[in-house]
Amino acid sequence: MVDLVESLRSRLANGDALPAERQLADELGVKRHQLRNALKVLREEGELETPRGRGEGQSKRNGEMLAGRTNVLEVIELRLALEPFLARLAAVRATPLEISRIERAATTSPGADRGSTDLAFHRAVAAASGNALAADIYQIIRRVGSDIRLHIQQPVPHCPDRIRQRDLEHQAIAQAIRDRAPDRAETAMREHLIRVREQIMARMVPGSQQN
């Protein structure tokens, strides 16, 4: 079960749309009930939205369509407008289980994919906002950002210090949500995303180095 969940998580982190359940089970070589259980885990963790009469890959298709009309700075600009508000709502509305999920996702486990961990944290916050429409809009924004056409060509070096810093920022957001402190949660999320924007802009400068 753990291997199956990680396989699905990796596909989602790469921006891959999940095919129909029968096809996906065949591709992975598992029984459909096993696949359903793994998908349920991802939905409970806030890493996969519950379908509402749509295919699992709908947000992926929306992201591909929008990616050709925007750029990576516009994506982070929109995230800055939306995610601090989602963090504020989560501080007010999150259930104890949702708070636990946010806290688990706030720390990068040894050997874990850094992109998957980051995505899991922000998805968990969005899911805990209690606003289904805003959470769906957030999913589309992240799909746009993951589209290959928006990837910055300069590679991101593996930097343990940067991962630790990101975890500290995530943990500050998680703590504010646990403390039911909406102002602090909103501010912590905004400061985190401003730092992300600074890192993106630095990577767009030829010859720049990540700290």
N, C-alpha and C. Protein backbone atom coordinates (compact mmCIF):
# COMPACT_ATOMS: atom_id res chain seq x y z
N MET A 1 0.83 -1.21 0.00
CA MET A 1 0.00 0.00 0.00
C MET A 1 0.86 1.26 0.00
N VAL A 2 1.92 1.26 0.84
CA VAL A 2 2.79 2.44 0.92
C VAL A 2 3.45 2.71 -0.42
N ASP A 3 3.95 1.65 -1.07
CA ASP A 3 4.60 1.82 -2.38
C ASP A 3 3.62 2.35 -3.41
N LEU A 4 2.39 1.89 -3.37
CA LEU A 4 1.38 2.33 -4.32
C LEU A 4 1.06 3.81 -4.11
N VAL A 5 0.90 4.21 -2.86
CA VAL A 5 0.63 5.62 -2.55
C VAL A 5 1.78 6.49 -3.03
N GLU A 6 3.02 6.06 -2.79
CA GLU A 6 4.18 6.85 -3.22
C GLU A 6 4.26 6.93 -4.73
N SER A 7 3.90 5.86 -5.42
CA SER A 7 3.90 5.88 -6.88
C SER A 7 2.90 6.90 -7.41
N LEU A 8 1.72 6.91 -6.84
CA LEU A 8 0.70 7.88 -7.24
C LEU A 8 1.13 9.30 -6.88
N ARG A 9 1.73 9.45 -5.71
CA ARG A 9 2.18 10.78 -5.27
C ARG A 9 3.24 11.32 -6.22
N SER A 10 4.13 10.46 -6.68
CA SER A 10 5.17 10.87 -7.62
C SER A 10 4.57 11.34 -8.94
N ARG A 11 3.56 10.63 -9.42
CA ARG A 11 2.91 11.03 -10.67
C ARG A 11 2.24 12.39 -10.53
N LEU A 12 1.60 12.61 -9.41
CA LEU A 12 0.93 13.89 -9.19
C LEU A 12 1.95 15.02 -9.08
N ALA A 13 3.07 14.75 -8.41
CA ALA A 13 4.10 15.79 -8.25
C ALA A 13 4.71 16.17 -9.59
N ASN A 14 4.75 15.22 -10.52
CA ASN A 14 5.28 15.50 -11.86
C ASN A 14 4.26 16.19 -12.75
N GLY A 15 3.06 16.41 -12.23
CA GLY A 15 2.03 17.08 -13.01
C GLY A 15 1.27 16.15 -13.93
N ASP A 16 1.42 14.83 -13.74
CA ASP A 16 0.75 13.88 -14.61
C ASP A 16 -0.73 13.76 -14.24
N ALA A 17 -1.59 13.77 -15.25
CA ALA A 17 -3.01 13.54 -15.02
C ALA A 17 -3.23 12.05 -14.80
N LEU A 18 -4.08 11.71 -13.85
CA LEU A 18 -4.39 10.31 -13.60
C LEU A 18 -5.47 9.85 -14.56
N PRO A 19 -5.25 8.72 -15.24
CA PRO A 19 -6.28 8.21 -16.16
C PRO A 19 -7.43 7.60 -15.39
N ALA A 20 -8.38 7.04 -16.13
CA ALA A 20 -9.52 6.39 -15.50
C ALA A 20 -9.05 5.27 -14.59
N GLU A 21 -9.85 4.96 -13.59
CA GLU A 21 -9.45 4.01 -12.56
C GLU A 21 -9.03 2.66 -13.13
N ARG A 22 -9.81 2.12 -14.06
CA ARG A 22 -9.49 0.80 -14.63
C ARG A 22 -8.13 0.83 -15.33
N GLN A 23 -7.91 1.87 -16.15
CA GLN A 23 -6.65 1.99 -16.88
C GLN A 23 -5.48 2.17 -15.92
N LEU A 24 -5.67 2.99 -14.89
CA LEU A 24 -4.60 3.24 -13.93
C LEU A 24 -4.24 1.96 -13.17
N ALA A 25 -5.25 1.19 -12.79
CA ALA A 25 -5.00 -0.08 -12.09
C ALA A 25 -4.20 -1.03 -12.98
N ASP A 26 -4.55 -1.08 -14.27
CA ASP A 26 -3.82 -1.93 -15.21
C ASP A 26 -2.38 -1.48 -15.36
N GLU A 27 -2.18 -0.16 -15.47
CA GLU A 27 -0.82 0.38 -15.63
C GLU A 27 0.06 0.06 -14.43
N LEU A 28 -0.54 0.11 -13.24
CA LEU A 28 0.22 -0.11 -12.02
C LEU A 28 0.28 -1.57 -11.60
N GLY A 29 -0.52 -2.40 -12.27
CA GLY A 29 -0.52 -3.82 -11.96
C GLY A 29 -1.12 -4.15 -10.60
N VAL A 30 -2.19 -3.43 -10.24
CA VAL A 30 -2.83 -3.66 -8.94
C VAL A 30 -4.32 -3.88 -9.13
N LYS A 31 -4.96 -4.39 -8.09
CA LYS A 31 -6.41 -4.55 -8.11
C LYS A 31 -7.08 -3.19 -7.92
N ARG A 32 -8.29 -3.07 -8.45
CA ARG A 32 -8.96 -1.77 -8.37
C ARG A 32 -9.27 -1.37 -6.93
N HIS A 33 -9.59 -2.34 -6.08
CA HIS A 33 -9.86 -1.98 -4.68
C HIS A 33 -8.59 -1.47 -3.99
N GLN A 34 -7.42 -2.02 -4.40
CA GLN A 34 -6.17 -1.51 -3.84
C GLN A 34 -5.92 -0.08 -4.29
N LEU A 35 -6.21 0.18 -5.56
CA LEU A 35 -6.04 1.53 -6.09
C LEU A 35 -6.97 2.50 -5.38
N ARG A 36 -8.22 2.09 -5.18
CA ARG A 36 -9.18 2.97 -4.52
C ARG A 36 -8.71 3.34 -3.11
N ASN A 37 -8.15 2.36 -2.40
CA ASN A 37 -7.66 2.63 -1.05
C ASN A 37 -6.50 3.62 -1.07
N ALA A 38 -5.61 3.48 -2.06
CA ALA A 38 -4.48 4.40 -2.17
C ALA A 38 -4.94 5.80 -2.53
N LEU A 39 -5.91 5.89 -3.44
CA LEU A 39 -6.46 7.20 -3.80
C LEU A 39 -7.15 7.85 -2.61
N LYS A 40 -7.80 7.03 -1.81
CA LYS A 40 -8.47 7.55 -0.61
C LYS A 40 -7.46 8.17 0.35
N VAL A 41 -6.31 7.52 0.50
CA VAL A 41 -5.25 8.06 1.36
C VAL A 41 -4.81 9.43 0.87
N LEU A 42 -4.59 9.56 -0.44
CA LEU A 42 -4.14 10.83 -1.00
C LEU A 42 -5.19 11.91 -0.83
N ARG A 43 -6.45 11.55 -0.98
CA ARG A 43 -7.52 12.54 -0.78
C ARG A 43 -7.59 12.98 0.68
N GLU A 44 -7.45 12.02 1.59
CA GLU A 44 -7.49 12.36 3.01
C GLU A 44 -6.30 13.22 3.42
N GLU A 45 -5.18 13.06 2.70
CA GLU A 45 -3.99 13.87 2.99
C GLU A 45 -4.06 15.22 2.30
N GLY A 46 -5.10 15.47 1.52
CA GLY A 46 -5.22 16.74 0.82
C GLY A 46 -4.36 16.84 -0.42
N GLU A 47 -3.84 15.72 -0.90
CA GLU A 47 -2.95 15.73 -2.07
C GLU A 47 -3.70 15.45 -3.37
N LEU A 48 -4.94 15.08 -3.27
CA LEU A 48 -5.74 14.79 -4.46
C LEU A 48 -7.16 15.24 -4.17
N GLU A 49 -7.69 16.08 -5.05
CA GLU A 49 -9.03 16.58 -4.81
C GLU A 49 -10.07 15.50 -5.09
N THR A 50 -11.15 15.53 -4.36
CA THR A 50 -12.24 14.59 -4.57
C THR A 50 -12.98 14.97 -5.84
N PRO A 51 -13.14 14.03 -6.78
CA PRO A 51 -13.81 14.37 -8.03
C PRO A 51 -15.26 14.76 -7.80
N ARG A 52 -15.67 15.79 -8.50
CA ARG A 52 -17.07 16.23 -8.43
C ARG A 52 -17.69 16.10 -9.81
N GLY A 53 -17.85 14.86 -10.26
CA GLY A 53 -18.43 14.64 -11.57
C GLY A 53 -17.47 14.96 -12.69
N ARG A 54 -16.15 14.98 -12.39
CA ARG A 54 -15.16 15.31 -13.39
C ARG A 54 -14.08 14.25 -13.36
N GLY A 55 -13.28 14.20 -14.41
CA GLY A 55 -12.15 13.30 -14.43
C GLY A 55 -11.07 13.79 -13.49
N GLU A 56 -10.22 12.87 -13.04
CA GLU A 56 -9.16 13.22 -12.12
C GLU A 56 -8.21 14.24 -12.75
N GLY A 57 -8.09 14.24 -14.08
CA GLY A 57 -7.11 15.10 -14.71
C GLY A 57 -7.64 16.44 -15.14
N GLN A 58 -8.82 16.84 -14.66
CA GLN A 58 -9.41 18.09 -15.15
C GLN A 58 -8.53 19.29 -14.83
N SER A 59 -8.02 19.39 -13.60
CA SER A 59 -7.19 20.54 -13.26
C SER A 59 -5.90 20.53 -14.05
N LYS A 60 -5.40 19.35 -14.38
CA LYS A 60 -4.20 19.27 -15.23
C LYS A 60 -4.48 19.87 -16.59
N ARG A 61 -5.62 19.53 -17.19
CA ARG A 61 -5.94 20.07 -18.51
C ARG A 61 -6.14 21.58 -18.44
N ASN A 62 -6.80 22.04 -17.37
CA ASN A 62 -6.95 23.48 -17.21
C ASN A 62 -5.60 24.16 -17.10
N GLY A 63 -4.68 23.53 -16.36
CA GLY A 63 -3.36 24.10 -16.20
C GLY A 63 -2.62 24.20 -17.50
N GLU A 64 -2.70 23.16 -18.32
CA GLU A 64 -2.02 23.17 -19.62
C GLU A 64 -2.58 24.27 -20.51
N MET A 65 -3.88 24.47 -20.46
CA MET A 65 -4.51 25.48 -21.30
C MET A 65 -4.06 26.88 -20.89
N LEU A 66 -3.99 27.12 -19.58
CA LEU A 66 -3.66 28.45 -19.09
C LEU A 66 -2.16 28.74 -19.15
N ALA A 67 -1.34 27.71 -19.11
CA ALA A 67 0.10 27.92 -19.03
C ALA A 67 0.65 28.68 -20.21
N GLY A 68 0.06 28.47 -21.38
CA GLY A 68 0.55 29.15 -22.57
C GLY A 68 0.26 30.64 -22.56
N ARG A 69 -0.54 31.12 -21.60
CA ARG A 69 -0.92 32.53 -21.59
C ARG A 69 -0.36 33.27 -20.38
N THR A 70 0.54 32.63 -19.63
CA THR A 70 1.03 33.28 -18.42
C THR A 70 2.51 32.99 -18.25
N ASN A 71 3.06 33.32 -17.10
CA ASN A 71 4.46 33.05 -16.80
C ASN A 71 4.61 32.77 -15.32
N VAL A 72 5.79 32.32 -14.93
CA VAL A 72 5.98 31.85 -13.56
C VAL A 72 5.80 32.96 -12.53
N LEU A 73 6.14 34.19 -12.87
CA LEU A 73 5.96 35.29 -11.92
C LEU A 73 4.49 35.62 -11.71
N GLU A 74 3.68 35.48 -12.76
CA GLU A 74 2.24 35.69 -12.60
C GLU A 74 1.64 34.61 -11.71
N VAL A 75 2.18 33.40 -11.81
CA VAL A 75 1.68 32.31 -10.97
C VAL A 75 1.93 32.61 -9.49
N ILE A 76 3.16 33.01 -9.16
CA ILE A 76 3.46 33.29 -7.75
C ILE A 76 2.72 34.54 -7.28
N GLU A 77 2.48 35.48 -8.19
CA GLU A 77 1.71 36.67 -7.84
C GLU A 77 0.29 36.29 -7.42
N LEU A 78 -0.31 35.36 -8.17
CA LEU A 78 -1.66 34.92 -7.84
C LEU A 78 -1.67 34.09 -6.56
N ARG A 79 -0.64 33.28 -6.37
CA ARG A 79 -0.53 32.52 -5.13
C ARG A 79 -0.45 33.46 -3.93
N LEU A 80 0.29 34.56 -4.09
CA LEU A 80 0.40 35.54 -3.01
C LEU A 80 -0.95 36.17 -2.68
N ALA A 81 -1.79 36.31 -3.68
CA ALA A 81 -3.11 36.89 -3.45
C ALA A 81 -4.05 35.90 -2.78
N LEU A 82 -3.89 34.60 -3.05
CA LEU A 82 -4.84 33.59 -2.59
C LEU A 82 -4.42 32.86 -1.32
N GLU A 83 -3.18 32.38 -1.28
CA GLU A 83 -2.80 31.45 -0.22
C GLU A 83 -2.77 32.06 1.19
N PRO A 84 -2.36 33.31 1.37
CA PRO A 84 -2.46 33.86 2.73
C PRO A 84 -3.90 33.84 3.26
N PHE A 85 -4.86 34.09 2.36
CA PHE A 85 -6.27 34.04 2.75
C PHE A 85 -6.68 32.62 3.10
N LEU A 86 -6.19 31.63 2.35
CA LEU A 86 -6.50 30.23 2.67
C LEU A 86 -5.92 29.85 4.02
N ALA A 87 -4.72 30.33 4.32
CA ALA A 87 -4.11 30.04 5.63
C ALA A 87 -4.93 30.67 6.75
N ARG A 88 -5.43 31.88 6.52
CA ARG A 88 -6.29 32.54 7.51
C ARG A 88 -7.55 31.71 7.75
N LEU A 89 -8.19 31.26 6.68
CA LEU A 89 -9.40 30.45 6.83
C LEU A 89 -9.09 29.14 7.55
N ALA A 90 -7.94 28.52 7.21
CA ALA A 90 -7.58 27.26 7.85
C ALA A 90 -7.40 27.44 9.35
N ALA A 91 -6.85 28.58 9.77
CA ALA A 91 -6.66 28.83 11.20
C ALA A 91 -7.99 28.90 11.94
N VAL A 92 -9.03 29.26 11.23
CA VAL A 92 -10.36 29.38 11.84
C VAL A 92 -11.15 28.08 11.71
N ARG A 93 -11.01 27.41 10.56
CA ARG A 93 -11.93 26.33 10.22
C ARG A 93 -11.35 24.92 10.27
N ALA A 94 -10.05 24.77 10.27
CA ALA A 94 -9.45 23.43 10.16
C ALA A 94 -9.89 22.52 11.30
N THR A 95 -10.17 21.28 10.96
CA THR A 95 -10.49 20.27 11.97
C THR A 95 -9.18 19.78 12.60
N PRO A 96 -9.26 19.13 13.76
CA PRO A 96 -8.04 18.57 14.36
C PRO A 96 -7.30 17.63 13.41
N LEU A 97 -8.04 16.82 12.64
CA LEU A 97 -7.39 15.91 11.70
C LEU A 97 -6.67 16.70 10.60
N GLU A 98 -7.30 17.74 10.09
CA GLU A 98 -6.67 18.56 9.06
C GLU A 98 -5.43 19.26 9.59
N ILE A 99 -5.48 19.70 10.83
CA ILE A 99 -4.30 20.34 11.43
C ILE A 99 -3.16 19.33 11.54
N SER A 100 -3.47 18.11 11.91
CA SER A 100 -2.44 17.07 12.00
C SER A 100 -1.81 16.81 10.64
N ARG A 101 -2.60 16.81 9.59
CA ARG A 101 -2.07 16.61 8.24
C ARG A 101 -1.15 17.76 7.84
N ILE A 102 -1.56 18.97 8.16
CA ILE A 102 -0.74 20.14 7.85
C ILE A 102 0.60 20.04 8.57
N GLU A 103 0.56 19.67 9.84
CA GLU A 103 1.79 19.59 10.63
C GLU A 103 2.71 18.49 10.10
N ARG A 104 2.15 17.35 9.71
CA ARG A 104 2.98 16.28 9.16
C ARG A 104 3.66 16.73 7.87
N ALA A 105 2.91 17.44 7.04
CA ALA A 105 3.45 17.86 5.75
C ALA A 105 4.43 19.03 5.87
N ALA A 106 4.50 19.65 7.04
CA ALA A 106 5.36 20.83 7.21
C ALA A 106 6.84 20.49 7.32
N THR A 107 7.15 19.21 7.51
CA THR A 107 8.55 18.79 7.66
C THR A 107 8.90 17.79 6.58
N THR A 108 10.02 18.02 5.90
CA THR A 108 10.47 17.13 4.84
C THR A 108 11.14 15.91 5.44
N SER A 109 10.60 14.73 5.19
CA SER A 109 11.18 13.50 5.70
C SER A 109 12.48 13.18 4.97
N PRO A 110 13.43 12.50 5.63
CA PRO A 110 14.68 12.12 4.97
C PRO A 110 14.40 11.30 3.71
N GLY A 111 14.99 11.70 2.62
CA GLY A 111 14.83 10.99 1.36
C GLY A 111 13.57 11.33 0.59
N ALA A 112 12.71 12.16 1.17
CA ALA A 112 11.46 12.53 0.49
C ALA A 112 11.74 13.51 -0.64
N ASP A 113 10.90 13.46 -1.66
CA ASP A 113 11.01 14.41 -2.77
C ASP A 113 10.59 15.78 -2.27
N ARG A 114 11.47 16.78 -2.44
CA ARG A 114 11.19 18.10 -1.88
C ARG A 114 9.98 18.75 -2.53
N GLY A 115 9.80 18.50 -3.85
CA GLY A 115 8.66 19.08 -4.53
C GLY A 115 7.35 18.49 -4.04
N SER A 116 7.34 17.17 -3.84
CA SER A 116 6.13 16.51 -3.36
C SER A 116 5.77 16.98 -1.96
N THR A 117 6.79 17.16 -1.11
CA THR A 117 6.54 17.62 0.25
C THR A 117 5.96 19.02 0.26
N ASP A 118 6.52 19.91 -0.55
CA ASP A 118 6.02 21.28 -0.62
C ASP A 118 4.58 21.30 -1.11
N LEU A 119 4.31 20.53 -2.15
CA LEU A 119 2.96 20.49 -2.70
C LEU A 119 1.97 19.93 -1.70
N ALA A 120 2.38 18.89 -0.98
CA ALA A 120 1.49 18.27 0.01
C ALA A 120 1.12 19.27 1.11
N PHE A 121 2.09 20.08 1.54
CA PHE A 121 1.82 21.05 2.59
C PHE A 121 0.81 22.10 2.13
N HIS A 122 1.07 22.69 0.98
CA HIS A 122 0.19 23.76 0.52
C HIS A 122 -1.20 23.23 0.17
N ARG A 123 -1.27 22.01 -0.35
CA ARG A 123 -2.57 21.41 -0.63
C ARG A 123 -3.33 21.16 0.67
N ALA A 124 -2.62 20.73 1.70
CA ALA A 124 -3.28 20.46 2.98
C ALA A 124 -3.86 21.74 3.57
N VAL A 125 -3.12 22.84 3.45
CA VAL A 125 -3.63 24.12 3.94
C VAL A 125 -4.88 24.53 3.16
N ALA A 126 -4.80 24.41 1.83
CA ALA A 126 -5.94 24.78 0.99
C ALA A 126 -7.16 23.92 1.32
N ALA A 127 -6.94 22.62 1.50
CA ALA A 127 -8.06 21.72 1.81
C ALA A 127 -8.69 22.05 3.16
N ALA A 128 -7.88 22.56 4.09
CA ALA A 128 -8.37 22.87 5.43
C ALA A 128 -9.06 24.23 5.50
N SER A 129 -9.07 24.97 4.40
CA SER A 129 -9.68 26.30 4.41
C SER A 129 -11.20 26.25 4.54
N GLY A 130 -11.78 25.11 4.19
CA GLY A 130 -13.23 24.99 4.24
C GLY A 130 -13.95 25.67 3.10
N ASN A 131 -13.18 26.16 2.12
CA ASN A 131 -13.76 26.82 0.95
C ASN A 131 -13.41 25.97 -0.27
N ALA A 132 -14.35 25.15 -0.71
CA ALA A 132 -14.07 24.20 -1.79
C ALA A 132 -13.71 24.90 -3.09
N LEU A 133 -14.36 26.01 -3.39
CA LEU A 133 -14.08 26.72 -4.63
C LEU A 133 -12.66 27.29 -4.61
N ALA A 134 -12.28 27.92 -3.50
CA ALA A 134 -10.93 28.47 -3.40
C ALA A 134 -9.89 27.37 -3.48
N ALA A 135 -10.16 26.21 -2.86
CA ALA A 135 -9.22 25.10 -2.91
C ALA A 135 -9.08 24.58 -4.33
N ASP A 136 -10.18 24.53 -5.08
CA ASP A 136 -10.12 24.10 -6.48
C ASP A 136 -9.33 25.09 -7.33
N ILE A 137 -9.54 26.38 -7.09
CA ILE A 137 -8.78 27.40 -7.83
C ILE A 137 -7.29 27.25 -7.53
N TYR A 138 -6.97 26.97 -6.27
CA TYR A 138 -5.57 26.77 -5.90
C TYR A 138 -4.98 25.58 -6.66
N GLN A 139 -5.74 24.49 -6.78
CA GLN A 139 -5.25 23.31 -7.51
C GLN A 139 -4.92 23.67 -8.95
N ILE A 140 -5.76 24.47 -9.58
CA ILE A 140 -5.51 24.88 -10.96
C ILE A 140 -4.25 25.72 -11.04
N ILE A 141 -4.08 26.65 -10.10
CA ILE A 141 -2.88 27.49 -10.09
C ILE A 141 -1.63 26.63 -10.00
N ARG A 142 -1.63 25.62 -9.14
CA ARG A 142 -0.45 24.78 -9.00
C ARG A 142 -0.21 23.94 -10.24
N ARG A 143 -1.30 23.53 -10.90
CA ARG A 143 -1.13 22.79 -12.15
C ARG A 143 -0.49 23.67 -13.21
N VAL A 144 -0.90 24.91 -13.27
CA VAL A 144 -0.28 25.85 -14.21
C VAL A 144 1.21 25.97 -13.90
N GLY A 145 1.53 26.12 -12.62
CA GLY A 145 2.92 26.28 -12.23
C GLY A 145 3.77 25.07 -12.51
N SER A 146 3.17 23.88 -12.53
CA SER A 146 3.94 22.66 -12.76
C SER A 146 4.12 22.35 -14.24
N ASP A 147 3.41 23.08 -15.10
CA ASP A 147 3.52 22.83 -16.54
C ASP A 147 4.95 23.06 -17.00
N ILE A 148 5.45 22.19 -17.81
CA ILE A 148 6.85 22.23 -18.24
C ILE A 148 7.20 23.54 -18.92
N ARG A 149 6.23 24.20 -19.54
CA ARG A 149 6.52 25.44 -20.24
C ARG A 149 6.84 26.58 -19.29
N LEU A 150 6.52 26.41 -18.03
CA LEU A 150 6.80 27.46 -17.06
C LEU A 150 8.04 27.17 -16.25
N HIS A 151 8.67 26.02 -16.46
CA HIS A 151 9.85 25.69 -15.68
C HIS A 151 11.01 26.61 -16.04
N ILE A 152 11.69 27.10 -15.03
CA ILE A 152 12.86 27.93 -15.26
C ILE A 152 14.01 27.01 -15.66
N GLN A 153 14.74 27.40 -16.67
CA GLN A 153 15.76 26.53 -17.23
C GLN A 153 16.92 26.29 -16.27
N GLN A 154 17.28 27.28 -15.46
CA GLN A 154 18.38 27.10 -14.54
C GLN A 154 18.00 26.08 -13.48
N PRO A 155 18.74 24.97 -13.35
CA PRO A 155 18.36 23.93 -12.39
C PRO A 155 18.51 24.41 -10.95
N VAL A 156 17.72 23.79 -10.09
CA VAL A 156 17.79 24.12 -8.66
C VAL A 156 18.70 23.10 -7.98
N PRO A 157 19.85 23.53 -7.45
CA PRO A 157 20.73 22.58 -6.79
C PRO A 157 20.12 22.08 -5.49
N HIS A 158 20.48 20.84 -5.13
CA HIS A 158 20.01 20.30 -3.85
C HIS A 158 20.69 21.09 -2.74
N CYS A 159 19.91 21.72 -1.90
CA CYS A 159 20.46 22.60 -0.87
C CYS A 159 19.77 22.30 0.46
N PRO A 160 20.42 21.51 1.34
CA PRO A 160 19.80 21.18 2.62
C PRO A 160 19.41 22.41 3.44
N ASP A 161 20.24 23.46 3.38
CA ASP A 161 19.91 24.67 4.15
C ASP A 161 18.61 25.30 3.67
N ARG A 162 18.40 25.29 2.36
CA ARG A 162 17.18 25.88 1.82
C ARG A 162 15.95 25.04 2.20
N ILE A 163 16.12 23.72 2.19
CA ILE A 163 15.02 22.84 2.58
C ILE A 163 14.68 23.05 4.06
N ARG A 164 15.72 23.19 4.89
CA ARG A 164 15.48 23.45 6.32
C ARG A 164 14.75 24.77 6.52
N GLN A 165 15.17 25.79 5.76
CA GLN A 165 14.52 27.09 5.88
C GLN A 165 13.05 27.00 5.46
N ARG A 166 12.80 26.28 4.36
CA ARG A 166 11.41 26.11 3.92
C ARG A 166 10.59 25.39 4.98
N ASP A 167 11.17 24.35 5.58
CA ASP A 167 10.45 23.62 6.62
C ASP A 167 10.13 24.53 7.80
N LEU A 168 11.08 25.38 8.18
CA LEU A 168 10.83 26.31 9.29
C LEU A 168 9.66 27.24 8.96
N GLU A 169 9.62 27.71 7.72
CA GLU A 169 8.52 28.59 7.31
C GLU A 169 7.20 27.84 7.31
N HIS A 170 7.21 26.61 6.79
CA HIS A 170 6.00 25.80 6.81
C HIS A 170 5.55 25.53 8.25
N GLN A 171 6.51 25.23 9.12
CA GLN A 171 6.17 24.93 10.51
C GLN A 171 5.58 26.14 11.21
N ALA A 172 6.06 27.34 10.87
CA ALA A 172 5.49 28.56 11.46
C ALA A 172 4.04 28.74 11.04
N ILE A 173 3.75 28.43 9.78
CA ILE A 173 2.37 28.51 9.29
C ILE A 173 1.51 27.47 10.01
N ALA A 174 2.03 26.24 10.10
CA ALA A 174 1.28 25.17 10.75
C ALA A 174 1.00 25.49 12.22
N GLN A 175 1.99 26.07 12.90
CA GLN A 175 1.80 26.41 14.31
C GLN A 175 0.74 27.48 14.48
N ALA A 176 0.74 28.46 13.59
CA ALA A 176 -0.27 29.51 13.67
C ALA A 176 -1.67 28.94 13.44
N ILE A 177 -1.78 27.99 12.52
CA ILE A 177 -3.07 27.35 12.28
C ILE A 177 -3.50 26.55 13.51
N ARG A 178 -2.56 25.80 14.09
CA ARG A 178 -2.88 25.05 15.31
C ARG A 178 -3.30 25.98 16.44
N ASP A 179 -2.65 27.14 16.54
CA ASP A 179 -2.95 28.09 17.60
C ASP A 179 -4.24 28.88 17.35
N ARG A 180 -4.87 28.61 16.21
CA ARG A 180 -6.09 29.35 15.83
C ARG A 180 -5.81 30.85 15.79
N ALA A 181 -4.67 31.19 15.15
CA ALA A 181 -4.23 32.59 15.05
C ALA A 181 -4.27 33.01 13.59
N PRO A 182 -5.43 33.44 13.07
CA PRO A 182 -5.56 33.73 11.64
C PRO A 182 -4.64 34.84 11.15
N ASP A 183 -4.45 35.90 11.93
CA ASP A 183 -3.55 36.97 11.50
C ASP A 183 -2.13 36.45 11.32
N ARG A 184 -1.68 35.66 12.29
CA ARG A 184 -0.32 35.13 12.23
C ARG A 184 -0.18 34.12 11.09
N ALA A 185 -1.19 33.30 10.87
CA ALA A 185 -1.14 32.33 9.77
C ALA A 185 -1.06 33.04 8.42
N GLU A 186 -1.87 34.08 8.26
CA GLU A 186 -1.88 34.84 7.01
C GLU A 186 -0.52 35.50 6.78
N THR A 187 0.03 36.13 7.81
CA THR A 187 1.32 36.80 7.68
C THR A 187 2.44 35.81 7.39
N ALA A 188 2.44 34.67 8.08
CA ALA A 188 3.48 33.67 7.87
C ALA A 188 3.45 33.12 6.46
N MET A 189 2.25 32.88 5.93
CA MET A 189 2.14 32.39 4.56
C MET A 189 2.61 33.44 3.57
N ARG A 190 2.24 34.68 3.79
CA ARG A 190 2.65 35.75 2.88
C ARG A 190 4.18 35.89 2.86
N GLU A 191 4.79 35.88 4.04
CA GLU A 191 6.24 36.01 4.12
C GLU A 191 6.93 34.83 3.44
N HIS A 192 6.38 33.65 3.60
CA HIS A 192 6.93 32.46 2.95
C HIS A 192 6.89 32.60 1.43
N LEU A 193 5.76 33.03 0.89
CA LEU A 193 5.62 33.14 -0.55
C LEU A 193 6.45 34.29 -1.12
N ILE A 194 6.65 35.33 -0.35
CA ILE A 194 7.54 36.41 -0.79
C ILE A 194 8.96 35.87 -0.94
N ARG A 195 9.36 35.02 -0.02
CA ARG A 195 10.69 34.40 -0.11
C ARG A 195 10.76 33.49 -1.34
N VAL A 196 9.70 32.74 -1.60
CA VAL A 196 9.66 31.89 -2.81
C VAL A 196 9.80 32.75 -4.06
N ARG A 197 9.10 33.87 -4.08
CA ARG A 197 9.19 34.77 -5.24
C ARG A 197 10.61 35.29 -5.41
N GLU A 198 11.27 35.63 -4.33
CA GLU A 198 12.65 36.11 -4.41
C GLU A 198 13.57 35.04 -4.98
N GLN A 199 13.35 33.79 -4.59
CA GLN A 199 14.17 32.70 -5.10
C GLN A 199 13.93 32.48 -6.59
N ILE A 200 12.68 32.59 -7.01
CA ILE A 200 12.36 32.44 -8.42
C ILE A 200 13.02 33.54 -9.24
N MET A 201 12.94 34.76 -8.76
CA MET A 201 13.53 35.89 -9.48
C MET A 201 15.05 35.75 -9.55
N ALA A 202 15.66 35.24 -8.49
CA ALA A 202 17.11 35.04 -8.49
C ALA A 202 17.52 34.01 -9.53
N ARG A 203 16.69 32.97 -9.70
CA ARG A 203 17.01 31.94 -10.69
C ARG A 203 16.84 32.45 -12.12
N MET A 204 16.10 33.52 -12.29
CA MET A 204 15.90 34.08 -13.62
C MET A 204 17.05 34.98 -14.05
N VAL A 205 17.96 35.29 -13.11
CA VAL A 205 19.12 36.12 -13.43
C VAL A 205 20.27 35.20 -13.83
N PRO A 206 20.82 35.33 -15.04
CA PRO A 206 21.92 34.46 -15.48
C PRO A 206 23.08 34.49 -14.50
N GLY A 207 23.57 33.31 -14.15
CA GLY A 207 24.73 33.22 -13.29
C GLY A 207 24.43 33.34 -11.82
N SER A 208 23.14 33.47 -11.46
CA SER A 208 22.80 33.60 -10.04
C SER A 208 22.96 32.27 -9.34
N GLN A 209 23.16 32.30 -8.04
CA GLN A 209 23.33 31.10 -7.24
C GLN A 209 22.29 31.08 -6.15
N GLN A 210 21.82 29.88 -5.83
CA GLN A 210 20.87 29.73 -4.73
C GLN A 210 21.60 29.63 -3.42
N ASN A 211 21.03 30.26 -2.39
CA ASN A 211 21.62 30.17 -1.06
C ASN A 211 20.91 29.09 -0.26
